Amino acid sequence: MAFSFISPCIGGFPGLRYVILVISILMLTIVGANMLAFNFTIICMFKEDSTETANRTVLYTHTDHSWFVSAVAFGNLIGILPLITFAHGWDTRWVFTFYGLVSGISMLLMPLAVSVHFAFVFVLRMMQGFGTSVTFTSIGSIVNSWSPLKSVGMYISLLTTWIQLSPLLAFPVSGALCTSTLGWQSVYYLFGGLTVVVFVIFALLYRDAASQHPCIRSTEVSTILEERVPLSDQNPHVPYKALFSDLVIWGAIASLFAVTIGVQFMVQYGPSYLNKVLGVDIKGTAVAAALPYLLALGAKFVIGPVSDSVTCVSERTKIIIFNTVAQLPICICFIIMAAVPKSMNWLAQLVYSLVSMFSAFNTVGVFKCIQLVARQHANIIMGLMGLTTSAVMLLLPTLVEAIATDYTRQQWALILYLLSGIIAVMIVFFNIVCRTEPRHWTISDDTNPTELTYMNHKDNEVRSPFLQQSTAEEILLN
């Protein structure tokens, strides 16, 4: 019998699945905030011999910043493969807790590392990337274990709000503490402490299966398991050759690569762009950097129901429309940010805020396409998307370092034009090859007809029951 910190509860705890949902959202949000906080606090770090406020010398160069961004990607790559392996065979509660505590420890040690050596900071940034990779498996595991079938969509929507909540937590808090007497160091002590507390609570409360929890009522277990299709213990055969020979899949990969470039630019370099290029002060940068994610959070709760309720056009047409609405405005916004003169910085800040809001439409665009065409193999594509995100995080700093050597407005304009061009090409490619019918390689001897019936049910037409690795949107911030 597995060791439990919680004694059996007399009569059970009502609505336990909602408690698990809340602590899971907090868990995802805090590891995301840990990764993002550095991208803001780096503009608050100055050399100790800089005494005059107006002439302070930044502690790290633009090249250093690029290396720190790459460190997160290295850590993420290191964390993805073993996390997927352990999540299938180990108690995921402890695996997730371990990754979270690694992230928390890296935050607590960061002020010391900054005072010691660049290499120490680099290692801690890798640890933060390692910890953030927990999001790739945790969403699917939590939904599979704790969501009633009829509530899967709601659980996915709520759990993926960490993508918006993380910057909403990291940027304003970092901005307030950076400019206070507590200094930037307090950001790391606060977030590191919160991380430890949140993951200890998660370890105490979470179980890999609702039926294993000592405090759950039998009626709630029945609600969670109602209408679920039992899955085989054996993983279904994956037709890798057919999958990676399919142009539709490569179109989806290209589209996600494009939107990841746009989002990662905002996440990794947004605060620096606002502060160094547009001249927004630190407090103003905190607000301006967080605002896009507040808009995206609001948009996210609207686009899902709209997509489900529109029946006057085909599923393929809806996906193409939402994909275009998600990515074309990003191209336009980047072009405006590059072209506006310094006297119109207010316009650059405005369109900057719109980029993340439009990216939220990908939930019912390319992600929906993947679920429809790949069906039971959608998790394979999602795993590949995690690697794609890490690749973008490695390539983007190289691009920025090669072009924006002096962080001038003209250099950043060239980067924005280049990113716009890449995204535009990918939009056209995806829209041409987009399909919504299950691909021929999704039907095999290993596929249970009952599962196919379930997967084609109208109410669940875009939701695969194989939610084992990731559910789509969370890959964009890691």
Foldseek 3Di string as FASTA:
>chain_A
DDDAPDDFDVQFDPPLLVVLLVLLLVLLLLLLLLLQLCLQQQVLAFDPVQDDPVDTHRLDDLLLLLLLLLLLLLLLVVQQVVLLVCLLPHFNLVVLLVLLLLSLVLLLCQVVQSVPDSVSVSNSSSSSSNSNNSQQFPLLLSLLARPAPLCSVVSSLSSLLSVLSNLLPNLQVQLVCCPDPNHNSVSSVVSSVSSNVSSVVSSNSDGSHPVPGSRHHPVSSCRRCPPDDDDDSDQFDDPVVVQVVALLLVLLLLLLLLLLLLLQCLSNCVLVCCCVELPDDSNRSSCLSSLLSVLQSVLLVVLVVVLLPDDPDDLLVSQLVLSCQLQVLSLVLLLCLLPDDSVVSVSNSVSSSNNSNSNSSNLSHSLLLLLQAAALCSSVSSSVSLSSSSVSSNVVSVQCCVQCVPVYSNSSSVVSNVSSVSNVVSSVSNSVSGDRHHDPSNDDPRDDVVQVVVCCDSSNVRPHSNSRTHSPDSSSSD
